[in-house]
Amino acid sequence: MEAPRGTFLLVGCLVLCLGFFSGRRIFLDEDPPAVVYSAPPTLPVWLGSGFARPGLHQLSDASSREGVIGLTVDEAVREWLLLELSRQPPRPGERLSLCLGEAGKPALVRDWMPAEQRMALGVSLHPERMSREDWQALPGIGPRLAERIEKDRQKNGDFGDFDVLKRVPGVGTKSLERWRKYFK
């Protein structure tokens, strides 16, 4: 005796539904993991001339100053650098270089990585730390708009806040929303 064709279809659907809902229940009944891993905060810093290992470094140890100091060459420079960096710790996206200043004393030169590098590393941009080339790294900004932004800052002073960029002709609300993720 043969079962009607619709019976196989009905049994198949019931098996699929039963498997789907019992599988979901397994995941809902699980306890949360005992340990939650979160990546340690990193400090992306570019070390330039004067350091034993120049280049981009993601410092993630608890004391980033000591991490930078450990990459220097000379013991005398290490002591001086420790004092210098205790006054002003390195900031994400900064470029540090060591050179000889007056009377052969060491000098720490600080500036910023290009905006393209900071954006790739997830480092927030700031309108006051942007050059004309940095502005052009943002989507929708060409040489002319970058020049208008620079001229506006020279004429009217620092922006102070990201939203003040609206005062520049050619910068509207849509542009600000497109760039906001880079300025956090």
N, C-alpha and C. Protein backbone atom coordinates (compact mmCIF):
# COMPACT_ATOMS: atom_id res chain seq x y z
N MET A 1 0.84 -1.16 0.00
CA MET A 1 0.00 0.00 0.00
C MET A 1 0.89 1.24 0.00
N GLU A 2 0.59 2.18 -0.87
CA GLU A 2 1.38 3.40 -1.02
C GLU A 2 0.71 4.54 -0.28
N ALA A 3 1.60 5.39 0.34
CA ALA A 3 1.09 6.60 1.02
C ALA A 3 0.84 7.68 -0.03
N PRO A 4 -0.13 8.52 0.20
CA PRO A 4 -0.38 9.61 -0.75
C PRO A 4 0.85 10.51 -0.86
N ARG A 5 1.03 11.14 -2.05
CA ARG A 5 2.21 11.96 -2.28
C ARG A 5 2.29 13.15 -1.34
N GLY A 6 1.25 13.71 -0.94
CA GLY A 6 1.23 14.85 -0.04
C GLY A 6 1.75 14.52 1.35
N THR A 7 1.67 13.24 1.75
CA THR A 7 2.12 12.82 3.07
C THR A 7 3.64 12.99 3.20
N PHE A 8 4.38 12.60 2.15
CA PHE A 8 5.84 12.76 2.19
C PHE A 8 6.23 14.24 2.31
N LEU A 9 5.53 15.10 1.62
CA LEU A 9 5.80 16.52 1.67
C LEU A 9 5.50 17.08 3.06
N LEU A 10 4.40 16.67 3.65
CA LEU A 10 4.01 17.12 4.98
C LEU A 10 5.00 16.63 6.03
N VAL A 11 5.42 15.37 5.97
CA VAL A 11 6.38 14.81 6.93
C VAL A 11 7.72 15.53 6.78
N GLY A 12 8.13 15.79 5.53
CA GLY A 12 9.40 16.50 5.28
C GLY A 12 9.39 17.90 5.88
N CYS A 13 8.30 18.63 5.70
CA CYS A 13 8.18 19.99 6.26
C CYS A 13 8.21 19.95 7.79
N LEU A 14 7.51 18.97 8.38
CA LEU A 14 7.51 18.86 9.84
C LEU A 14 8.91 18.58 10.38
N VAL A 15 9.66 17.71 9.71
CA VAL A 15 11.02 17.39 10.15
C VAL A 15 11.91 18.63 10.05
N LEU A 16 11.80 19.38 8.96
CA LEU A 16 12.59 20.61 8.81
C LEU A 16 12.26 21.63 9.89
N CYS A 17 10.97 21.84 10.15
CA CYS A 17 10.56 22.80 11.19
C CYS A 17 11.05 22.36 12.57
N LEU A 18 10.91 21.08 12.86
CA LEU A 18 11.36 20.56 14.14
C LEU A 18 12.86 20.75 14.31
N GLY A 19 13.63 20.46 13.25
CA GLY A 19 15.08 20.64 13.30
C GLY A 19 15.46 22.10 13.47
N PHE A 20 14.77 22.99 12.77
CA PHE A 20 15.06 24.42 12.85
C PHE A 20 14.81 24.96 14.26
N PHE A 21 13.63 24.68 14.81
CA PHE A 21 13.30 25.24 16.12
C PHE A 21 14.07 24.58 17.26
N SER A 22 14.37 23.31 17.17
CA SER A 22 15.15 22.69 18.24
C SER A 22 16.60 23.18 18.17
N GLY A 23 17.12 23.45 16.99
CA GLY A 23 18.47 24.00 16.85
C GLY A 23 18.57 25.41 17.42
N ARG A 24 17.55 26.20 17.22
CA ARG A 24 17.55 27.56 17.78
C ARG A 24 17.50 27.52 19.29
N ARG A 25 16.78 26.57 19.85
CA ARG A 25 16.65 26.47 21.30
C ARG A 25 17.99 26.13 21.94
N ILE A 26 18.81 25.35 21.26
CA ILE A 26 20.13 25.00 21.79
C ILE A 26 20.94 26.27 22.00
N PHE A 27 20.91 27.20 21.02
CA PHE A 27 21.69 28.42 21.14
C PHE A 27 21.11 29.38 22.16
N LEU A 28 19.80 29.36 22.33
CA LEU A 28 19.18 30.25 23.30
C LEU A 28 19.42 29.80 24.73
N ASP A 29 19.58 28.48 24.94
CA ASP A 29 19.76 27.96 26.29
C ASP A 29 21.21 28.03 26.78
N GLU A 30 22.15 28.34 25.88
CA GLU A 30 23.56 28.37 26.29
C GLU A 30 23.84 29.54 27.22
N ASP A 31 24.78 29.32 28.15
CA ASP A 31 25.25 30.39 29.01
C ASP A 31 26.24 31.25 28.22
N PRO A 32 26.39 32.50 28.62
CA PRO A 32 27.40 33.34 27.95
C PRO A 32 28.80 32.79 28.24
N PRO A 33 29.77 33.11 27.41
CA PRO A 33 31.12 32.59 27.63
C PRO A 33 31.67 33.06 28.97
N ALA A 34 32.53 32.23 29.56
CA ALA A 34 33.10 32.55 30.86
C ALA A 34 34.07 33.72 30.78
N VAL A 35 34.76 33.84 29.67
CA VAL A 35 35.74 34.91 29.50
C VAL A 35 35.42 35.65 28.22
N VAL A 36 35.38 36.95 28.31
CA VAL A 36 35.15 37.78 27.14
C VAL A 36 36.48 38.45 26.79
N TYR A 37 36.93 38.25 25.57
CA TYR A 37 38.20 38.82 25.15
C TYR A 37 37.95 40.15 24.47
N SER A 38 38.69 41.14 24.87
CA SER A 38 38.68 42.40 24.14
C SER A 38 40.13 42.79 23.88
N ALA A 39 40.39 43.26 22.67
CA ALA A 39 41.75 43.60 22.29
C ALA A 39 42.24 44.78 23.14
N PRO A 40 43.51 44.76 23.53
CA PRO A 40 44.02 45.87 24.32
C PRO A 40 44.06 47.14 23.48
N PRO A 41 43.89 48.28 24.10
CA PRO A 41 43.96 49.52 23.33
C PRO A 41 45.37 49.71 22.77
N THR A 42 45.43 50.18 21.55
CA THR A 42 46.73 50.38 20.93
C THR A 42 46.97 51.86 20.69
N LEU A 43 48.23 52.19 20.60
CA LEU A 43 48.65 53.56 20.35
C LEU A 43 49.50 53.54 19.09
N PRO A 44 48.89 53.85 17.91
CA PRO A 44 49.68 53.86 16.69
C PRO A 44 50.56 55.10 16.64
N VAL A 45 51.88 54.90 16.57
CA VAL A 45 52.84 55.99 16.55
C VAL A 45 53.86 55.70 15.46
N TRP A 46 54.24 56.73 14.71
CA TRP A 46 55.28 56.59 13.71
C TRP A 46 56.58 57.08 14.33
N LEU A 47 57.57 56.21 14.40
CA LEU A 47 58.88 56.58 14.91
C LEU A 47 59.79 56.84 13.72
N GLY A 48 60.38 58.03 13.70
CA GLY A 48 61.21 58.43 12.58
C GLY A 48 62.69 58.31 12.89
N SER A 49 63.46 59.24 12.35
CA SER A 49 64.90 59.20 12.52
C SER A 49 65.27 59.33 13.99
N GLY A 50 66.38 58.72 14.35
CA GLY A 50 66.85 58.75 15.73
C GLY A 50 66.42 57.55 16.53
N PHE A 51 65.50 56.76 16.02
CA PHE A 51 65.04 55.55 16.70
C PHE A 51 65.68 54.34 16.04
N ALA A 52 65.95 53.33 16.84
CA ALA A 52 66.61 52.12 16.33
C ALA A 52 65.75 51.41 15.30
N ARG A 53 64.44 51.41 15.48
CA ARG A 53 63.53 50.74 14.55
C ARG A 53 62.48 51.73 14.07
N PRO A 54 62.84 52.58 13.09
CA PRO A 54 61.86 53.56 12.60
C PRO A 54 60.71 52.87 11.87
N GLY A 55 59.59 53.54 11.83
CA GLY A 55 58.43 53.03 11.12
C GLY A 55 57.20 53.08 12.02
N LEU A 56 56.11 52.50 11.53
CA LEU A 56 54.85 52.49 12.28
C LEU A 56 54.90 51.44 13.36
N HIS A 57 54.52 51.83 14.57
CA HIS A 57 54.48 50.91 15.70
C HIS A 57 53.12 51.03 16.38
N GLN A 58 52.50 49.89 16.64
CA GLN A 58 51.25 49.84 17.39
C GLN A 58 51.63 49.46 18.82
N LEU A 59 51.77 50.44 19.66
CA LEU A 59 52.17 50.19 21.04
C LEU A 59 50.93 49.81 21.83
N SER A 60 50.95 48.63 22.42
CA SER A 60 49.77 48.17 23.14
C SER A 60 50.07 47.79 24.58
N ASP A 61 51.28 48.03 25.03
CA ASP A 61 51.56 47.70 26.43
C ASP A 61 50.96 48.77 27.34
N ALA A 62 50.94 48.49 28.60
CA ALA A 62 50.29 49.38 29.56
C ALA A 62 50.97 50.74 29.60
N SER A 63 52.26 50.78 29.42
CA SER A 63 52.93 52.06 29.49
C SER A 63 53.61 52.33 28.16
N SER A 64 52.93 53.08 27.32
CA SER A 64 53.40 53.31 25.96
C SER A 64 54.68 54.14 25.93
N ARG A 65 54.87 55.00 26.91
CA ARG A 65 56.11 55.80 26.94
C ARG A 65 57.31 54.89 27.02
N GLU A 66 57.25 53.90 27.89
CA GLU A 66 58.36 52.99 28.03
C GLU A 66 58.54 52.16 26.76
N GLY A 67 57.42 51.87 26.06
CA GLY A 67 57.52 51.15 24.80
C GLY A 67 58.28 51.95 23.76
N VAL A 68 58.01 53.24 23.69
CA VAL A 68 58.73 54.11 22.76
C VAL A 68 60.19 54.23 23.19
N ILE A 69 60.41 54.41 24.45
CA ILE A 69 61.77 54.58 24.95
C ILE A 69 62.60 53.34 24.70
N GLY A 70 61.99 52.17 24.80
CA GLY A 70 62.71 50.93 24.56
C GLY A 70 63.23 50.81 23.14
N LEU A 71 62.68 51.60 22.22
CA LEU A 71 63.11 51.54 20.83
C LEU A 71 64.20 52.55 20.50
N THR A 72 64.66 53.30 21.49
CA THR A 72 65.74 54.26 21.24
C THR A 72 67.08 53.56 21.33
N VAL A 73 68.11 54.28 20.93
CA VAL A 73 69.43 53.66 20.82
C VAL A 73 70.28 53.90 22.06
N ASP A 74 70.46 55.11 22.43
CA ASP A 74 71.44 55.52 23.44
C ASP A 74 70.80 55.60 24.83
N GLU A 75 71.52 55.14 25.85
CA GLU A 75 71.02 55.17 27.23
C GLU A 75 70.75 56.60 27.70
N ALA A 76 71.64 57.54 27.35
CA ALA A 76 71.45 58.93 27.75
C ALA A 76 70.19 59.51 27.11
N VAL A 77 69.93 59.14 25.87
CA VAL A 77 68.73 59.61 25.17
C VAL A 77 67.49 59.00 25.82
N ARG A 78 67.58 57.76 26.28
CA ARG A 78 66.44 57.12 26.93
C ARG A 78 66.01 57.88 28.16
N GLU A 79 66.94 58.27 28.98
CA GLU A 79 66.59 59.02 30.21
C GLU A 79 65.96 60.36 29.86
N TRP A 80 66.54 61.05 28.89
CA TRP A 80 65.99 62.35 28.48
C TRP A 80 64.59 62.17 27.88
N LEU A 81 64.43 61.14 27.05
CA LEU A 81 63.14 60.90 26.39
C LEU A 81 62.06 60.52 27.40
N LEU A 82 62.43 59.77 28.43
CA LEU A 82 61.47 59.43 29.48
C LEU A 82 60.92 60.69 30.12
N LEU A 83 61.79 61.63 30.42
CA LEU A 83 61.35 62.89 31.01
C LEU A 83 60.49 63.68 30.02
N GLU A 84 60.92 63.73 28.78
CA GLU A 84 60.18 64.48 27.75
C GLU A 84 58.78 63.91 27.53
N LEU A 85 58.68 62.59 27.45
CA LEU A 85 57.38 61.96 27.19
C LEU A 85 56.50 61.91 28.43
N SER A 86 57.08 62.07 29.62
CA SER A 86 56.24 62.15 30.82
C SER A 86 55.53 63.50 30.87
N ARG A 87 56.13 64.53 30.28
CA ARG A 87 55.48 65.85 30.20
C ARG A 87 54.31 65.83 29.22
N GLN A 88 54.55 65.21 28.07
CA GLN A 88 53.50 65.11 27.05
C GLN A 88 53.60 63.74 26.39
N PRO A 89 52.74 62.81 26.81
CA PRO A 89 52.77 61.44 26.25
C PRO A 89 52.47 61.45 24.75
N PRO A 90 52.93 60.44 24.05
CA PRO A 90 52.60 60.35 22.62
C PRO A 90 51.10 60.18 22.43
N ARG A 91 50.59 60.73 21.34
CA ARG A 91 49.17 60.65 21.03
C ARG A 91 48.98 59.79 19.79
N PRO A 92 47.83 59.14 19.67
CA PRO A 92 47.58 58.31 18.49
C PRO A 92 47.72 59.11 17.20
N GLY A 93 48.46 58.56 16.24
CA GLY A 93 48.64 59.21 14.96
C GLY A 93 49.80 60.19 14.90
N GLU A 94 50.58 60.25 15.96
CA GLU A 94 51.69 61.20 16.01
C GLU A 94 52.94 60.60 15.37
N ARG A 95 53.78 61.47 14.80
CA ARG A 95 55.10 61.08 14.30
C ARG A 95 56.14 61.68 15.23
N LEU A 96 57.04 60.83 15.70
CA LEU A 96 58.10 61.28 16.60
C LEU A 96 59.45 61.04 15.93
N SER A 97 60.32 62.03 16.00
CA SER A 97 61.68 61.90 15.49
C SER A 97 62.63 62.50 16.50
N LEU A 98 63.80 61.93 16.59
CA LEU A 98 64.86 62.44 17.46
C LEU A 98 65.94 63.05 16.59
N CYS A 99 66.39 64.22 16.97
CA CYS A 99 67.48 64.85 16.25
C CYS A 99 68.33 65.63 17.26
N LEU A 100 69.45 66.14 16.78
CA LEU A 100 70.31 66.95 17.64
C LEU A 100 69.92 68.40 17.49
N GLY A 101 69.69 69.05 18.62
CA GLY A 101 69.33 70.46 18.62
C GLY A 101 70.53 71.32 18.93
N GLU A 102 70.28 72.40 19.64
CA GLU A 102 71.35 73.34 20.01
C GLU A 102 72.38 72.65 20.88
N ALA A 103 73.64 72.95 20.61
CA ALA A 103 74.78 72.45 21.39
C ALA A 103 74.79 70.92 21.48
N GLY A 104 74.26 70.27 20.47
CA GLY A 104 74.30 68.82 20.44
C GLY A 104 73.33 68.13 21.38
N LYS A 105 72.41 68.88 21.96
CA LYS A 105 71.41 68.27 22.85
C LYS A 105 70.33 67.61 22.01
N PRO A 106 69.76 66.51 22.51
CA PRO A 106 68.69 65.85 21.75
C PRO A 106 67.43 66.71 21.72
N ALA A 107 66.70 66.58 20.62
CA ALA A 107 65.42 67.30 20.48
C ALA A 107 64.40 66.32 19.93
N LEU A 108 63.19 66.41 20.44
CA LEU A 108 62.08 65.57 19.97
C LEU A 108 61.21 66.39 19.04
N VAL A 109 61.07 65.93 17.82
CA VAL A 109 60.24 66.61 16.83
C VAL A 109 58.93 65.84 16.73
N ARG A 110 57.82 66.56 16.90
CA ARG A 110 56.49 65.95 16.86
C ARG A 110 55.69 66.56 15.72
N ASP A 111 55.06 65.70 14.94
CA ASP A 111 54.07 66.14 13.96
C ASP A 111 53.09 65.00 13.76
N TRP A 112 52.27 65.07 12.73
CA TRP A 112 51.20 64.09 12.54
C TRP A 112 51.43 63.25 11.30
N MET A 113 51.00 62.01 11.38
CA MET A 113 50.98 61.16 10.19
C MET A 113 50.01 61.77 9.20
N PRO A 114 50.19 61.49 7.90
CA PRO A 114 49.20 61.97 6.92
C PRO A 114 47.80 61.42 7.26
N ALA A 115 46.79 62.16 6.85
CA ALA A 115 45.41 61.78 7.16
C ALA A 115 45.07 60.39 6.62
N GLU A 116 45.60 60.04 5.46
CA GLU A 116 45.31 58.71 4.89
C GLU A 116 45.76 57.61 5.84
N GLN A 117 46.93 57.76 6.43
CA GLN A 117 47.42 56.76 7.38
C GLN A 117 46.56 56.75 8.64
N ARG A 118 46.24 57.93 9.15
CA ARG A 118 45.42 57.98 10.36
C ARG A 118 44.05 57.36 10.12
N MET A 119 43.46 57.61 8.95
CA MET A 119 42.16 57.03 8.64
C MET A 119 42.25 55.52 8.55
N ALA A 120 43.32 55.01 7.92
CA ALA A 120 43.49 53.56 7.79
C ALA A 120 43.69 52.89 9.14
N LEU A 121 44.29 53.60 10.08
CA LEU A 121 44.54 53.05 11.42
C LEU A 121 43.37 53.28 12.38
N GLY A 122 42.35 54.00 11.93
CA GLY A 122 41.20 54.28 12.79
C GLY A 122 41.47 55.38 13.80
N VAL A 123 42.46 56.23 13.53
CA VAL A 123 42.78 57.35 14.42
C VAL A 123 41.91 58.53 14.01
N SER A 124 41.26 59.14 14.98
CA SER A 124 40.38 60.28 14.70
C SER A 124 41.16 61.45 14.13
N LEU A 125 40.57 62.10 13.16
CA LEU A 125 41.14 63.33 12.60
C LEU A 125 40.63 64.52 13.39
N HIS A 126 41.33 65.63 13.30
CA HIS A 126 40.89 66.87 13.93
C HIS A 126 41.08 67.99 12.92
N PRO A 127 40.08 68.86 12.75
CA PRO A 127 40.17 69.90 11.71
C PRO A 127 41.40 70.80 11.85
N GLU A 128 41.92 70.99 13.04
CA GLU A 128 43.07 71.88 13.22
C GLU A 128 44.38 71.20 12.87
N ARG A 129 44.38 69.89 12.76
CA ARG A 129 45.61 69.15 12.48
C ARG A 129 45.66 68.67 11.03
N MET A 130 44.93 69.33 10.16
CA MET A 130 44.81 68.88 8.78
C MET A 130 45.54 69.87 7.85
N SER A 131 46.32 69.32 6.93
CA SER A 131 46.94 70.12 5.89
C SER A 131 46.05 70.07 4.65
N ARG A 132 46.42 70.81 3.63
CA ARG A 132 45.66 70.79 2.38
C ARG A 132 45.62 69.37 1.81
N GLU A 133 46.75 68.66 1.86
CA GLU A 133 46.80 67.29 1.36
C GLU A 133 45.92 66.37 2.21
N ASP A 134 45.89 66.61 3.52
CA ASP A 134 45.04 65.81 4.40
C ASP A 134 43.57 65.97 4.04
N TRP A 135 43.15 67.20 3.76
CA TRP A 135 41.75 67.42 3.40
C TRP A 135 41.40 66.66 2.13
N GLN A 136 42.34 66.60 1.18
CA GLN A 136 42.08 65.92 -0.08
C GLN A 136 41.96 64.41 0.08
N ALA A 137 42.40 63.87 1.19
CA ALA A 137 42.27 62.43 1.44
C ALA A 137 40.83 62.04 1.76
N LEU A 138 40.03 62.99 2.17
CA LEU A 138 38.62 62.71 2.49
C LEU A 138 37.81 62.58 1.20
N PRO A 139 36.79 61.73 1.20
CA PRO A 139 35.99 61.55 -0.01
C PRO A 139 35.24 62.84 -0.39
N GLY A 140 35.33 63.19 -1.67
CA GLY A 140 34.59 64.35 -2.17
C GLY A 140 35.32 65.66 -2.05
N ILE A 141 36.56 65.66 -1.58
CA ILE A 141 37.32 66.91 -1.46
C ILE A 141 38.44 66.89 -2.48
N GLY A 142 38.39 67.87 -3.36
CA GLY A 142 39.44 68.04 -4.35
C GLY A 142 40.35 69.20 -3.96
N PRO A 143 41.27 69.56 -4.85
CA PRO A 143 42.22 70.63 -4.53
C PRO A 143 41.55 71.97 -4.25
N ARG A 144 40.49 72.30 -4.99
CA ARG A 144 39.85 73.62 -4.79
C ARG A 144 39.14 73.72 -3.45
N LEU A 145 38.39 72.69 -3.09
CA LEU A 145 37.70 72.72 -1.80
C LEU A 145 38.70 72.69 -0.65
N ALA A 146 39.76 71.92 -0.79
CA ALA A 146 40.80 71.89 0.24
C ALA A 146 41.42 73.27 0.41
N GLU A 147 41.62 73.97 -0.69
CA GLU A 147 42.18 75.32 -0.62
C GLU A 147 41.19 76.28 0.06
N ARG A 148 39.90 76.15 -0.25
CA ARG A 148 38.90 77.01 0.40
C ARG A 148 38.86 76.77 1.91
N ILE A 149 38.99 75.50 2.32
CA ILE A 149 38.99 75.18 3.75
C ILE A 149 40.20 75.82 4.42
N GLU A 150 41.38 75.71 3.79
CA GLU A 150 42.59 76.31 4.35
C GLU A 150 42.47 77.84 4.43
N LYS A 151 41.97 78.46 3.38
CA LYS A 151 41.81 79.92 3.38
C LYS A 151 40.82 80.37 4.43
N ASP A 152 39.74 79.62 4.61
CA ASP A 152 38.75 79.96 5.63
C ASP A 152 39.37 79.89 7.02
N ARG A 153 40.17 78.87 7.27
CA ARG A 153 40.80 78.74 8.59
C ARG A 153 41.78 79.90 8.82
N GLN A 154 42.50 80.31 7.79
CA GLN A 154 43.43 81.44 7.94
C GLN A 154 42.69 82.75 8.16
N LYS A 155 41.57 82.92 7.47
CA LYS A 155 40.81 84.17 7.57
C LYS A 155 39.99 84.25 8.86
N ASN A 156 39.29 83.16 9.22
CA ASN A 156 38.35 83.19 10.34
C ASN A 156 38.84 82.49 11.60
N GLY A 157 40.02 81.92 11.56
CA GLY A 157 40.55 81.24 12.74
C GLY A 157 40.17 79.76 12.75
N ASP A 158 40.65 79.09 13.78
CA ASP A 158 40.42 77.65 13.91
C ASP A 158 38.93 77.34 13.94
N PHE A 159 38.62 76.11 13.50
CA PHE A 159 37.23 75.68 13.48
C PHE A 159 36.73 75.35 14.88
N GLY A 160 37.59 74.81 15.71
CA GLY A 160 37.19 74.48 17.08
C GLY A 160 36.33 73.23 17.16
N ASP A 161 35.38 73.10 16.28
CA ASP A 161 34.47 71.97 16.28
C ASP A 161 34.27 71.53 14.84
N PHE A 162 34.04 70.26 14.66
CA PHE A 162 33.87 69.69 13.32
C PHE A 162 32.71 70.35 12.57
N ASP A 163 31.60 70.60 13.24
CA ASP A 163 30.41 71.14 12.57
C ASP A 163 30.59 72.56 12.07
N VAL A 164 31.59 73.27 12.56
CA VAL A 164 31.85 74.64 12.11
C VAL A 164 32.36 74.66 10.67
N LEU A 165 32.77 73.51 10.15
CA LEU A 165 33.21 73.44 8.76
C LEU A 165 32.12 73.88 7.78
N LYS A 166 30.86 73.91 8.25
CA LYS A 166 29.75 74.35 7.39
C LYS A 166 29.93 75.78 6.91
N ARG A 167 30.74 76.56 7.60
CA ARG A 167 30.94 77.96 7.20
C ARG A 167 31.74 78.07 5.89
N VAL A 168 32.39 77.00 5.48
CA VAL A 168 33.18 77.01 4.25
C VAL A 168 32.24 76.81 3.06
N PRO A 169 32.30 77.70 2.06
CA PRO A 169 31.46 77.51 0.87
C PRO A 169 31.79 76.18 0.19
N GLY A 170 30.76 75.41 -0.10
CA GLY A 170 30.94 74.11 -0.74
C GLY A 170 30.88 72.95 0.23
N VAL A 171 30.79 73.24 1.53
CA VAL A 171 30.66 72.18 2.54
C VAL A 171 29.25 72.26 3.10
N GLY A 172 28.50 71.20 2.89
CA GLY A 172 27.13 71.15 3.37
C GLY A 172 26.92 70.05 4.39
N THR A 173 25.69 69.89 4.80
CA THR A 173 25.33 68.89 5.80
C THR A 173 25.64 67.48 5.32
N LYS A 174 25.37 67.19 4.05
CA LYS A 174 25.64 65.84 3.53
C LYS A 174 27.13 65.53 3.56
N SER A 175 27.94 66.50 3.20
CA SER A 175 29.40 66.30 3.24
C SER A 175 29.86 66.04 4.65
N LEU A 176 29.36 66.81 5.60
CA LEU A 176 29.77 66.61 7.00
C LEU A 176 29.38 65.22 7.49
N GLU A 177 28.21 64.76 7.12
CA GLU A 177 27.78 63.43 7.55
C GLU A 177 28.67 62.34 6.92
N ARG A 178 29.10 62.56 5.69
CA ARG A 178 29.97 61.59 5.03
C ARG A 178 31.35 61.55 5.70
N TRP A 179 31.84 62.67 6.24
CA TRP A 179 33.17 62.74 6.84
C TRP A 179 33.17 62.50 8.34
N ARG A 180 32.01 62.56 8.98
CA ARG A 180 31.93 62.51 10.44
C ARG A 180 32.63 61.26 11.02
N LYS A 181 32.53 60.12 10.36
CA LYS A 181 33.12 58.91 10.89
C LYS A 181 34.64 59.01 11.02
N TYR A 182 35.27 59.89 10.28
CA TYR A 182 36.72 60.05 10.37
C TYR A 182 37.13 61.00 11.50
N PHE A 183 36.21 61.81 11.98
CA PHE A 183 36.52 62.81 12.99
C PHE A 183 36.04 62.43 14.38
N LYS A 184 35.15 61.49 14.51
CA LYS A 184 34.61 60.96 15.77
C LYS A 184 34.41 62.03 16.79
